Amino acid sequence: MKKILFTFLCLIITLSTANAQKGINYSSNYATGGKMLMSIDSSARNVFYANIFPNQPHTAFNFLPEINNISVAIYFRKKDNPEHYRYTILEDDTPIIVNKPIDVAKLKNVDRGEDEILRSTDFGVFTVKNKIITIITYDIQKPQDVYKTIFYGKPIPMAKIKFFSKLTGEKGNYSYTNITDLRGITKLTFAKRDLTLTLIKDASDIDYLYSMSIKDKQTNKVVFETKTWNYGGYIDESRRSSPNIEIDKSVFKKSGDYEIIIEPSIRWDNCRNCDLTAKDVEKYITRHTLSVTVDEENYTKKELVIYTLIVALLIGLIFLIILYFNKKRNKKKLVEHEQQKNIAKLQLNSIRSQLNPHFLFNALSGIQNLMNKNEVENANQYLSKFARLTRNVLNSKELISLSQEKTLLDDYLQMEQLRFGFQYEINHSEDLNLDIVEIPSMLLQPFVENAVKHGIAKKTTNGKVTITMAKQENDLVLTVADNGNGFDIQKAGKGFGLPLSHNRIALLNSIYRKNRFTLAIQSSTAGTKISLTLTDWV
């Protein structure tokens, strides 16, 4: 039973809960002293309790803007000595009880068992509406540790800025300039000799409650904040020290508008039954705008030169670093591209090595065919042209001129003309210099061979092959046309030469990335036309 009672009291202290008839309890805990309990009506709203401040470690602030009455008690642990405690209670600034000892006889025990006993006693019921109840306690064995619990039932006043003071000087020669024009926006100029700006606030009994911050209105970022006020150097008319905060000029890094914000350091989220809106909280906050001009012209020429050199050095260093990494990256890309190009060339040579025996086989078949027909004279002419053609075909050069390509095609077509008797012509535009413009070797030969073998071979003297080399702006367009019976483009590719040509064009596109090779095939019963466009080639 004792353990149950103790657990219930601990819940009252730590979780601030109780039944509705007795009210809701809140506790302000101190590390080295007693604990204060506050009991209020359970329906009370907007109760901000146990606010602790770094600059006032022994002060707890309870903001009770809508509370009429409170009941206050103090409790002690087993290790505490209540008889050593003294307390003082103030209503506003008027003492109600002064330095009174704890009435040990009125302590109520809550037995935890053998380990510890909690004891508590009531201080009484106080009217807190529009008042400030302050309870001060201390242990006579530790008189330096004075604990203050404040129950604040008034609206918190907005902090009032009295004036600003600017410190100017160097080498021991200092002066102060007070700025008292606080209407709307305060305009302020920082010259080179200016050192600090001090904000002076009206003194109050709750100065410790306020924090101050400065926000850059352009970026909406806080550039300075503090919860500690100084009290030296500025005395008001009533001989009280005015709280002040010194701000280094370096806080204002650039010209522009800065907002000074002075607000109570209340934990607005640590609240019981809160219904305050942002608009309600705003009435406790003081805001003032400083329009700051940073006078950069006060730098000496020597300083400007030094700063310029430093900036130029940094920019140069950054540029060199970027250049180094770009060069390293480009070199890597170049090596990779060269490797890909070499691989493509090897594959291209492989295709050429397949085209050559294909062509040679067809040519030898033609010679054999003439010999079988006993056309010895034609076979000799065929063999003569075949010798020169073979030499050109087996040439390992990657590029040949259009004139060389034309000679190769002439030899081939004249040689095949002996077999089939067809007609052919090779045309080129007048603005195309065949001796200068080069193309990959044997580029057209597979298409011409297909035109002869599959297009017009059966037409004999009625067959015709037309080859055209033309310049269209910067493109080179090569066409091979025949008047054969045509073929089904969808079924094309079963022959040996055309698939290899397709593969070869794909490899050429991987090597000459800036010059696209495009193949177009048109075929009907009236004939076939193959167009090969080399983009930006001439």
Protein backbone atom coordinates (compact mmCIF):
# COMPACT_ATOMS: atom_id res chain seq x y z
CA MET A 1 0.00 0.00 0.00
CA LYS A 2 2.86 2.37 0.83
CA LYS A 3 4.50 1.76 -2.51
CA ILE A 4 1.22 2.50 -4.29
CA LEU A 5 0.86 5.84 -2.47
CA PHE A 6 4.44 6.83 -3.28
CA THR A 7 4.04 5.95 -6.97
CA PHE A 8 0.89 8.11 -7.12
CA LEU A 9 2.76 11.12 -5.64
CA CYS A 10 5.65 10.64 -8.10
CA LEU A 11 3.19 10.74 -10.96
CA ILE A 12 1.85 14.02 -9.60
CA ILE A 13 5.34 15.48 -9.49
CA THR A 14 6.77 14.24 -12.79
CA LEU A 15 3.77 14.02 -15.10
CA SER A 16 1.80 16.92 -13.59
CA THR A 17 -1.48 15.02 -13.43
CA ALA A 18 -4.17 14.70 -10.76
CA ASN A 19 -7.90 14.31 -10.44
CA ALA A 20 -10.18 17.12 -11.63
CA GLN A 21 -11.50 18.06 -8.15
CA LYS A 22 -8.11 18.78 -6.66
CA GLY A 23 -6.70 20.38 -9.85
CA ILE A 24 -3.65 19.71 -11.98
CA ASN A 25 -0.19 19.83 -10.38
CA TYR A 26 3.02 21.14 -11.92
CA SER A 27 6.44 20.96 -10.29
CA SER A 28 9.58 23.06 -10.66
CA ASN A 29 12.59 20.84 -9.97
CA TYR A 30 15.99 22.01 -8.71
CA ALA A 31 19.10 19.89 -8.74
CA THR A 32 20.39 20.87 -5.29
CA GLY A 33 17.31 21.87 -3.30
CA GLY A 34 13.66 21.30 -2.60
CA LYS A 35 10.78 21.02 -5.07
CA MET A 36 7.83 23.29 -5.56
CA LEU A 37 4.37 21.99 -6.44
CA MET A 38 1.63 24.11 -7.98
CA SER A 39 -2.02 23.08 -7.93
CA ILE A 40 -4.56 24.82 -10.17
CA ASP A 41 -8.06 24.28 -11.46
CA SER A 42 -8.21 21.41 -13.94
CA SER A 43 -10.11 23.56 -16.47
CA ALA A 44 -7.42 26.26 -16.53
CA ARG A 45 -5.99 27.07 -19.93
CA ASN A 46 -2.70 28.45 -21.23
CA VAL A 47 -0.50 27.36 -18.33
CA PHE A 48 3.20 27.67 -19.21
CA TYR A 49 5.15 26.06 -16.39
CA ALA A 50 8.71 25.31 -15.22
CA ASN A 51 10.58 27.60 -17.60
CA ILE A 52 14.29 27.50 -16.73
CA PHE A 53 16.94 29.91 -18.08
CA PRO A 54 20.66 29.25 -18.61
CA ASN A 55 21.63 32.64 -17.18
CA GLN A 56 19.37 32.11 -14.13
CA PRO A 57 19.94 28.47 -13.11
CA HIS A 58 18.04 28.79 -9.80
CA THR A 59 14.99 30.57 -11.19
CA ALA A 60 11.81 28.90 -12.41
CA PHE A 61 9.17 30.95 -14.21
CA ASN A 62 5.52 29.96 -14.52
CA PHE A 63 3.43 32.07 -16.89
CA LEU A 64 -0.26 31.94 -15.85
CA PRO A 65 -2.12 34.58 -17.91
CA GLU A 66 -5.61 33.14 -17.31
CA ILE A 67 -5.33 31.68 -13.78
CA ASN A 68 -7.15 33.16 -10.75
CA ASN A 69 -5.84 31.14 -7.79
CA ILE A 70 -3.04 28.68 -7.16
CA SER A 71 -2.13 26.38 -4.29
CA VAL A 72 1.60 25.99 -3.63
CA ALA A 73 3.39 23.25 -1.66
CA ILE A 74 6.99 22.19 -1.12
CA TYR A 75 8.24 18.65 -0.67
CA PHE A 76 11.48 17.12 0.62
CA ARG A 77 13.30 13.86 0.19
CA LYS A 78 14.75 11.76 2.96
CA LYS A 79 18.25 13.23 2.51
CA ASP A 80 16.92 16.81 2.87
CA ASN A 81 16.77 18.63 6.19
CA PRO A 82 13.54 20.69 6.17
CA GLU A 83 14.44 22.36 9.46
CA HIS A 84 17.38 24.07 7.70
CA TYR A 85 15.15 25.67 5.03
CA ARG A 86 13.90 29.24 5.05
CA TYR A 87 11.36 30.77 2.69
CA THR A 88 10.11 34.21 1.72
CA ILE A 89 6.91 34.94 -0.21
CA LEU A 90 6.31 38.16 -2.15
CA GLU A 91 3.12 39.45 -3.73
CA ASP A 92 4.36 41.73 -6.48
CA ASP A 93 7.12 43.58 -4.60
CA THR A 94 5.42 43.36 -1.19
CA PRO A 95 6.67 40.71 1.28
CA ILE A 96 3.96 38.49 2.74
CA ILE A 97 6.27 36.16 4.62
CA VAL A 98 9.95 36.90 5.26
CA ASN A 99 12.66 34.34 6.03
CA LYS A 100 10.30 31.92 7.73
CA PRO A 101 11.43 28.38 8.65
CA ILE A 102 9.57 25.31 7.47
CA ASP A 103 7.00 24.13 10.00
CA VAL A 104 8.35 20.60 10.38
CA ALA A 105 5.34 19.58 12.48
CA LYS A 106 3.04 20.12 9.45
CA LEU A 107 5.07 17.91 7.10
CA LYS A 108 3.10 15.02 5.72
CA ASN A 109 4.92 11.79 5.09
CA VAL A 110 4.55 9.60 2.06
CA ASP A 111 6.29 6.35 2.94
CA ARG A 112 8.22 4.67 0.12
CA GLY A 113 9.36 1.82 2.32
CA GLU A 114 12.78 1.31 3.81
CA ASP A 115 14.59 3.27 1.08
CA GLU A 116 13.12 6.77 1.22
CA ILE A 117 10.32 8.91 2.65
CA LEU A 118 8.91 11.98 0.85
CA ARG A 119 7.51 14.76 2.99
CA SER A 120 5.54 17.82 1.92
CA THR A 121 3.77 20.88 3.34
CA ASP A 122 1.48 23.54 1.90
CA PHE A 123 2.45 27.19 1.61
CA GLY A 124 -1.19 28.16 1.06
CA VAL A 125 -3.54 29.44 -1.63
CA PHE A 126 -2.67 32.64 -3.48
CA THR A 127 -4.55 34.93 -5.82
CA VAL A 128 -2.33 35.23 -8.88
CA LYS A 129 -4.62 37.05 -11.34
CA ASN A 130 -2.85 40.28 -12.39
CA LYS A 131 -0.19 39.63 -9.77
CA ILE A 132 3.27 38.16 -9.35
CA ILE A 133 3.76 35.61 -6.58
CA THR A 134 7.43 34.94 -5.85
CA ILE A 135 8.62 32.23 -3.43
CA ILE A 136 12.28 32.30 -2.43
CA THR A 137 13.86 29.35 -0.61
CA TYR A 138 17.35 28.50 0.61
CA ASP A 139 19.17 26.10 2.92
CA ILE A 140 20.93 27.92 5.79
CA GLN A 141 23.80 25.46 5.34
CA LYS A 142 24.13 26.62 1.70
CA PRO A 143 23.06 30.27 1.82
CA GLN A 144 24.71 31.00 -1.55
CA ASP A 145 22.15 28.81 -3.34
CA VAL A 146 18.94 30.81 -3.38
CA TYR A 147 16.04 29.33 -5.36
CA LYS A 148 13.31 31.52 -6.77
CA THR A 149 9.96 30.30 -8.13
CA ILE A 150 7.83 32.89 -9.87
CA PHE A 151 4.11 32.59 -10.59
CA TYR A 152 3.42 35.31 -13.14
CA GLY A 153 -0.26 36.16 -13.57
CA LYS A 154 0.12 39.39 -15.55
CA PRO A 155 0.52 39.93 -19.28
CA ILE A 156 4.24 39.90 -20.07
CA PRO A 157 5.22 43.42 -21.18
CA MET A 158 6.90 43.89 -24.53
CA ALA A 159 10.54 44.84 -24.12
CA LYS A 160 11.27 48.47 -24.98
CA ILE A 161 14.47 49.53 -26.72
CA LYS A 162 15.69 52.82 -25.21
CA PHE A 163 18.48 53.61 -27.68
CA PHE A 164 21.54 52.28 -29.50
CA SER A 165 25.12 53.24 -28.81
CA LYS A 166 27.88 52.92 -31.41
CA LEU A 167 31.52 52.57 -30.30
CA THR A 168 34.11 54.16 -32.58
CA GLY A 169 37.88 54.48 -32.30
CA GLU A 170 41.29 52.85 -32.47
CA LYS A 171 44.54 52.72 -30.50
CA GLY A 172 42.98 53.78 -27.22
CA ASN A 173 41.02 56.72 -28.63
CA TYR A 174 37.36 55.67 -28.33
CA SER A 175 34.07 57.54 -28.44
CA TYR A 176 30.37 56.67 -28.21
CA THR A 177 27.54 57.88 -30.41
CA ASN A 178 24.01 57.41 -29.08
CA ILE A 179 21.25 56.77 -31.62
CA THR A 180 17.85 57.67 -30.17
CA ASP A 181 15.73 57.92 -33.31
CA LEU A 182 13.78 54.66 -33.09
CA ARG A 183 10.78 55.64 -35.20
CA GLY A 184 9.98 52.88 -37.71
CA ILE A 185 13.35 52.02 -39.20
CA THR A 186 16.63 53.09 -37.64
CA LYS A 187 19.22 53.95 -40.27
CA LEU A 188 22.77 53.07 -39.34
CA THR A 189 26.10 53.39 -41.17
CA PHE A 190 29.19 51.42 -40.18
CA ALA A 191 32.48 53.06 -41.12
CA LYS A 192 35.86 51.40 -40.81
CA ARG A 193 36.59 52.92 -37.37
CA ASP A 194 33.27 51.71 -35.92
CA LEU A 195 33.68 48.71 -33.64
CA THR A 196 30.46 47.68 -31.91
CA LEU A 197 26.77 48.51 -31.58
CA THR A 198 25.15 48.26 -28.15
CA LEU A 199 21.40 47.82 -27.66
CA ILE A 200 20.06 49.33 -24.41
CA LYS A 201 16.68 48.12 -23.07
CA ASP A 202 14.39 49.48 -20.38
CA ALA A 203 15.05 47.73 -17.06
CA SER A 204 12.40 45.39 -15.61
CA ASP A 205 12.11 42.78 -12.89
CA ILE A 206 12.05 40.01 -15.47
CA ASP A 207 14.97 40.99 -17.74
CA TYR A 208 16.24 37.41 -17.54
CA LEU A 209 13.10 36.32 -19.37
CA TYR A 210 14.00 38.01 -22.65
CA SER A 211 16.22 36.73 -25.45
CA MET A 212 17.49 38.84 -28.34
CA SER A 213 18.22 37.84 -31.93
CA ILE A 214 19.07 39.61 -35.20
CA LYS A 215 17.75 38.32 -38.52
CA ASP A 216 18.88 39.24 -42.02
CA LYS A 217 15.59 40.20 -43.68
CA GLN A 218 16.89 39.39 -47.16
CA THR A 219 17.88 35.80 -46.39
CA ASN A 220 15.59 35.34 -43.35
CA LYS A 221 18.56 33.83 -41.48
CA VAL A 222 19.44 34.57 -37.84
CA VAL A 223 22.93 36.14 -37.74
CA PHE A 224 23.11 36.80 -33.98
CA GLU A 225 21.31 35.63 -30.84
CA THR A 226 21.82 35.71 -27.07
CA LYS A 227 19.91 35.22 -23.80
CA THR A 228 22.40 37.08 -21.60
CA TRP A 229 22.13 40.79 -20.80
CA ASN A 230 24.90 43.02 -19.45
CA TYR A 231 24.17 45.50 -16.68
CA GLY A 232 27.22 47.78 -16.63
CA GLY A 233 27.74 51.21 -18.15
CA TYR A 234 24.19 52.51 -18.66
CA ILE A 235 22.19 54.04 -15.77
CA ASP A 236 18.61 55.26 -16.23
CA GLU A 237 16.86 58.20 -14.56
CA SER A 238 15.99 56.14 -11.49
CA ARG A 239 19.64 55.16 -11.08
CA ARG A 240 18.94 51.61 -12.23
CA SER A 241 21.37 49.77 -14.51
CA SER A 242 19.81 49.32 -17.93
CA PRO A 243 20.24 45.85 -19.46
CA ASN A 244 22.26 45.97 -22.66
CA ILE A 245 23.78 43.71 -25.30
CA GLU A 246 26.98 44.50 -27.21
CA ILE A 247 27.00 43.45 -30.88
CA ASP A 248 30.22 43.29 -32.92
CA LYS A 249 30.16 45.16 -36.23
CA SER A 250 31.15 41.94 -38.05
CA VAL A 251 27.63 40.61 -37.47
CA PHE A 252 26.45 42.98 -40.21
CA LYS A 253 28.43 41.50 -43.08
CA LYS A 254 26.66 43.46 -45.82
CA SER A 255 24.40 46.44 -46.32
CA GLY A 256 20.68 45.77 -45.97
CA ASP A 257 17.78 45.55 -43.54
CA TYR A 258 18.16 43.60 -40.31
CA GLU A 259 15.37 42.84 -37.83
CA ILE A 260 16.03 42.94 -34.09
CA ILE A 261 13.72 40.57 -32.18
CA ILE A 262 13.34 40.68 -28.38
CA GLU A 263 10.99 38.01 -27.07
CA PRO A 264 10.29 36.11 -23.85
CA SER A 265 12.18 32.83 -23.56
CA ILE A 266 8.97 30.95 -22.89
CA ARG A 267 8.67 27.35 -23.94
CA TRP A 268 5.40 27.92 -25.78
CA ASP A 269 5.13 24.18 -26.46
CA ASN A 270 5.42 23.32 -22.72
CA CYS A 271 1.86 24.27 -21.98
CA ARG A 272 -1.29 22.87 -20.43
CA ASN A 273 -4.51 23.25 -22.49
CA CYS A 274 -2.99 25.78 -24.87
CA ASP A 275 -5.10 27.72 -27.33
CA LEU A 276 -2.75 30.63 -28.03
CA THR A 277 -2.28 31.42 -31.70
CA ALA A 278 0.81 32.87 -33.38
CA LYS A 279 -1.00 36.23 -33.32
CA ASP A 280 -1.49 35.93 -29.53
CA VAL A 281 2.22 35.19 -29.01
CA GLU A 282 3.25 38.08 -31.29
CA LYS A 283 1.93 40.65 -28.76
CA TYR A 284 4.76 39.67 -26.41
CA ILE A 285 7.48 40.17 -29.06
CA THR A 286 9.33 43.41 -29.81
CA ARG A 287 10.53 43.90 -33.40
CA HIS A 288 12.65 46.73 -34.73
CA THR A 289 14.34 47.17 -38.11
CA LEU A 290 17.88 48.42 -38.64
CA SER A 291 18.70 49.68 -42.13
CA VAL A 292 22.45 49.09 -42.16
CA THR A 293 24.96 50.55 -44.61
CA VAL A 294 28.41 48.98 -44.48
CA ASP A 295 30.84 51.65 -45.72
CA GLU A 296 33.32 49.55 -47.71
CA GLU A 297 35.03 52.65 -49.14
CA ASN A 298 36.90 53.12 -45.88
CA TYR A 299 39.34 50.35 -46.75
CA THR A 300 42.80 51.65 -47.57
CA LYS A 301 44.25 51.24 -51.04
CA LYS A 302 46.76 48.77 -49.63
CA GLU A 303 43.97 46.66 -48.13
CA LEU A 304 41.98 46.77 -51.36
CA VAL A 305 45.05 45.65 -53.34
CA ILE A 306 45.68 42.82 -50.88
CA TYR A 307 42.04 41.69 -50.94
CA THR A 308 41.97 41.90 -54.74
CA LEU A 309 45.15 39.80 -55.01
CA ILE A 310 43.78 37.22 -52.57
CA VAL A 311 40.50 36.97 -54.49
CA ALA A 312 42.35 36.78 -57.84
CA LEU A 313 44.66 34.09 -56.41
CA LEU A 314 41.72 32.06 -55.14
CA ILE A 315 39.88 32.38 -58.46
CA GLY A 316 43.04 31.42 -60.35
CA LEU A 317 43.59 28.44 -58.06
CA ILE A 318 39.99 27.28 -58.49
CA PHE A 319 40.32 27.74 -62.27
CA LEU A 320 43.52 25.66 -62.34
CA ILE A 321 41.92 22.91 -60.27
CA ILE A 322 38.88 22.84 -62.57
CA LEU A 323 41.16 22.91 -65.63
CA TYR A 324 43.26 20.05 -64.23
CA PHE A 325 40.26 17.83 -63.55
CA ASN A 326 38.65 18.72 -66.90
CA LYS A 327 41.89 17.88 -68.70
CA LYS A 328 42.18 14.62 -66.79
CA ARG A 329 38.56 13.75 -67.57
CA ASN A 330 38.91 14.69 -71.25
CA LYS A 331 42.10 12.64 -71.51
CA LYS A 332 40.30 9.67 -70.05
CA LYS A 333 37.40 10.15 -72.47
CA LEU A 334 39.87 10.50 -75.36
CA VAL A 335 41.61 7.26 -74.42
CA GLU A 336 38.27 5.48 -74.12
CA HIS A 337 37.11 6.90 -77.47
CA GLU A 338 40.39 5.88 -79.10
CA GLN A 339 40.02 2.38 -77.71
CA GLN A 340 36.47 2.17 -79.05
CA LYS A 341 37.63 3.54 -82.39
CA ASN A 342 40.42 0.95 -82.61
CA ILE A 343 37.99 -1.82 -81.76
CA ALA A 344 35.61 -0.54 -84.45
CA LYS A 345 38.47 -0.42 -86.99
CA LEU A 346 39.40 -4.02 -86.19
CA GLN A 347 35.77 -5.03 -86.67
CA LEU A 348 35.64 -3.00 -89.89
CA ASN A 349 38.76 -4.75 -91.21
CA SER A 350 37.14 -8.03 -90.29
CA ILE A 351 34.10 -7.16 -92.44
CA ARG A 352 36.37 -6.07 -95.32
CA SER A 353 38.21 -9.38 -95.04
CA GLN A 354 34.83 -11.07 -95.47
CA LEU A 355 33.80 -8.86 -98.42
CA ASN A 356 37.06 -9.48 -100.35
CA PRO A 357 36.79 -13.29 -100.71
CA HIS A 358 33.07 -12.85 -101.44
CA PHE A 359 33.92 -10.54 -104.33
CA LEU A 360 36.82 -12.71 -105.54
CA PHE A 361 34.66 -15.81 -105.53
CA ASN A 362 32.02 -14.10 -107.66
CA ALA A 363 34.67 -12.78 -110.09
CA LEU A 364 36.32 -16.18 -110.51
CA SER A 365 32.90 -17.70 -111.09
CA GLY A 366 32.43 -15.18 -113.92
CA ILE A 367 35.75 -16.17 -115.55
CA GLN A 368 34.84 -19.83 -115.25
CA ASN A 369 31.47 -19.13 -116.83
CA LEU A 370 33.09 -17.40 -119.85
CA MET A 371 35.58 -20.23 -120.31
CA ASN A 372 32.81 -22.80 -120.17
CA LYS A 373 31.07 -20.86 -122.97
CA ASN A 374 34.36 -20.98 -124.93
CA GLU A 375 34.47 -17.15 -125.04
CA VAL A 376 38.27 -17.07 -124.76
CA GLU A 377 38.70 -13.43 -125.87
CA ASN A 378 36.13 -12.18 -123.37
CA ALA A 379 37.68 -14.38 -120.69
CA ASN A 380 41.10 -12.81 -121.35
CA GLN A 381 39.66 -9.28 -121.14
CA TYR A 382 37.79 -10.28 -118.01
CA LEU A 383 40.98 -11.70 -116.48
CA SER A 384 42.96 -8.56 -117.34
CA LYS A 385 40.48 -6.28 -115.64
CA PHE A 386 40.19 -8.76 -112.81
CA ALA A 387 43.94 -8.49 -112.11
CA ARG A 388 43.82 -4.70 -111.66
CA LEU A 389 40.56 -4.93 -109.74
CA THR A 390 41.99 -7.56 -107.40
CA ARG A 391 44.98 -5.36 -106.64
CA ASN A 392 42.69 -2.44 -105.73
CA VAL A 393 40.32 -4.59 -103.69
CA LEU A 394 43.11 -6.13 -101.64
CA ASN A 395 44.55 -2.69 -100.92
CA SER A 396 44.44 -2.21 -97.12
CA LYS A 397 43.94 1.58 -97.24
CA GLU A 398 41.09 2.80 -95.01
CA LEU A 399 40.13 5.75 -97.23
CA ILE A 400 40.35 6.16 -101.01
CA SER A 401 39.40 9.10 -103.25
CA LEU A 402 36.15 9.17 -105.19
CA SER A 403 38.17 8.97 -108.41
CA GLN A 404 39.80 5.72 -107.19
CA GLU A 405 36.37 4.39 -106.19
CA LYS A 406 35.07 5.32 -109.66
CA THR A 407 38.00 3.44 -111.33
CA LEU A 408 37.35 0.36 -109.19
CA LEU A 409 33.64 0.41 -110.08
CA ASP A 410 34.45 0.97 -113.78
CA ASP A 411 36.73 -2.09 -113.81
CA TYR A 412 34.15 -4.21 -112.04
CA LEU A 413 31.21 -3.13 -114.22
CA GLN A 414 33.20 -3.54 -117.48
CA MET A 415 34.26 -6.97 -116.31
CA GLU A 416 30.68 -8.01 -115.52
CA GLN A 417 29.48 -6.34 -118.73
CA LEU A 418 31.44 -9.03 -120.66
CA ARG A 419 29.27 -11.65 -118.99
CA PHE A 420 25.81 -10.09 -119.04
CA GLY A 421 25.92 -7.36 -121.70
CA PHE A 422 24.05 -4.69 -119.60
CA GLN A 423 24.54 -0.92 -119.79
CA TYR A 424 25.88 1.34 -116.99
CA GLU A 425 26.92 4.93 -116.32
CA ILE A 426 28.72 6.72 -113.46
CA ASN A 427 27.78 10.38 -112.99
CA HIS A 428 28.92 13.07 -110.55
CA SER A 429 28.00 16.70 -109.89
CA GLU A 430 30.29 19.35 -111.32
CA ASP A 431 31.01 20.96 -107.92
CA LEU A 432 32.39 17.67 -106.58
CA ASN A 433 36.18 17.21 -106.83
CA LEU A 434 36.64 13.43 -107.14
CA ASP A 435 40.41 13.62 -106.54
CA ILE A 436 40.10 15.41 -103.18
CA VAL A 437 37.04 13.87 -101.54
CA GLU A 438 37.78 10.51 -99.90
CA ILE A 439 35.43 7.77 -98.72
CA PRO A 440 35.96 4.40 -97.01
CA SER A 441 37.29 1.91 -99.54
CA MET A 442 34.85 -0.55 -101.14
CA LEU A 443 31.91 1.48 -99.78
CA LEU A 444 29.77 1.19 -102.94
CA GLN A 445 31.13 -2.05 -104.44
CA PRO A 446 28.80 -4.45 -102.48
CA PHE A 447 25.72 -2.42 -103.55
CA VAL A 448 26.88 -2.32 -107.21
CA GLU A 449 27.54 -6.06 -107.12
CA ASN A 450 24.05 -6.71 -105.75
CA ALA A 451 22.55 -4.50 -108.51
CA VAL A 452 24.32 -6.57 -111.18
CA LYS A 453 23.87 -10.03 -109.69
CA HIS A 454 20.33 -9.73 -108.30
CA GLY A 455 18.99 -6.82 -110.34
CA ILE A 456 19.84 -6.79 -114.05
CA ALA A 457 21.79 -10.04 -114.72
CA LYS A 458 18.77 -11.69 -116.33
CA LYS A 459 17.86 -8.62 -118.40
CA THR A 460 21.17 -8.86 -120.41
CA THR A 461 21.36 -5.92 -122.82
CA ASN A 462 18.14 -4.38 -121.44
CA GLY A 463 19.64 -4.01 -117.99
CA LYS A 464 21.10 -0.77 -116.76
CA VAL A 465 23.01 0.36 -113.63
CA THR A 466 23.34 4.07 -112.79
CA ILE A 467 25.79 5.33 -110.16
CA THR A 468 25.60 8.97 -109.02
CA MET A 469 27.99 10.93 -106.79
CA ALA A 470 26.48 14.28 -105.76
CA LYS A 471 27.12 17.11 -103.31
CA GLN A 472 24.07 18.43 -101.46
CA GLU A 473 25.18 21.41 -99.35
CA ASN A 474 27.73 19.80 -96.98
CA ASP A 475 26.50 16.24 -97.49
CA LEU A 476 27.84 13.64 -99.91
CA VAL A 477 25.05 11.54 -101.48
CA LEU A 478 25.99 8.31 -103.32
CA THR A 479 23.29 6.37 -105.17
CA VAL A 480 23.22 3.01 -106.99
CA ALA A 481 20.12 2.42 -109.14
CA ASP A 482 19.12 -0.48 -111.43
CA ASN A 483 16.09 -1.28 -113.58
CA GLY A 484 15.72 -4.82 -112.35
CA ASN A 485 12.58 -6.51 -111.03
CA GLY A 486 13.22 -5.31 -107.44
CA PHE A 487 12.91 -7.28 -104.22
CA ASP A 488 11.01 -7.35 -100.94
CA ILE A 489 12.85 -4.97 -98.58
CA GLN A 490 11.34 -6.71 -95.52
CA LYS A 491 13.00 -9.99 -96.59
CA ALA A 492 16.32 -8.38 -97.56
CA GLY A 493 19.41 -9.48 -95.70
CA LYS A 494 19.56 -13.14 -96.69
CA GLY A 495 22.28 -12.36 -99.20
CA PHE A 496 25.90 -12.15 -98.05
CA GLY A 497 26.96 -8.67 -99.20
CA LEU A 498 24.06 -6.50 -97.92
CA PRO A 499 24.08 -7.63 -94.25
CA LEU A 500 27.83 -7.08 -94.10
CA SER A 501 27.32 -3.61 -95.58
CA HIS A 502 24.76 -2.80 -92.89
CA ASN A 503 27.20 -3.89 -90.18
CA ARG A 504 29.97 -1.91 -91.82
CA ILE A 505 27.87 1.30 -91.85
CA ALA A 506 27.07 0.82 -88.14
CA LEU A 507 30.81 0.55 -87.39
CA LEU A 508 31.58 3.59 -89.57
CA ASN A 509 29.04 5.60 -87.53
CA SER A 510 30.84 4.62 -84.32
CA ILE A 511 34.17 5.82 -85.78
CA TYR A 512 33.01 8.99 -87.59
CA ARG A 513 30.61 10.26 -84.93
CA LYS A 514 30.42 13.76 -86.41
CA ASN A 515 29.62 12.40 -89.90
CA ARG A 516 26.53 10.24 -89.89
CA PHE A 517 26.25 7.46 -92.53
CA THR A 518 22.60 6.93 -93.53
CA LEU A 519 21.43 4.10 -95.82
CA ALA A 520 18.06 4.24 -97.62
CA ILE A 521 16.69 1.47 -99.89
CA GLN A 522 13.77 1.86 -102.32
CA SER A 523 12.67 -1.14 -104.41
CA SER A 524 9.74 -1.90 -106.72
CA THR A 525 9.03 -3.91 -109.87
CA ALA A 526 10.50 -0.99 -111.85
CA GLY A 527 13.88 -1.27 -110.15
CA THR A 528 15.91 -0.65 -107.01
CA LYS A 529 17.62 2.50 -105.72
CA ILE A 530 20.07 2.54 -102.84
CA SER A 531 21.09 5.95 -101.40
CA LEU A 532 24.00 6.40 -99.00
CA THR A 533 24.29 9.85 -97.36
CA LEU A 534 27.51 10.96 -95.63
CA THR A 535 26.52 13.92 -93.41
CA ASP A 536 28.82 16.98 -93.36
CA TRP A 537 31.39 15.07 -95.41
CA VAL A 538 32.30 17.77 -97.97
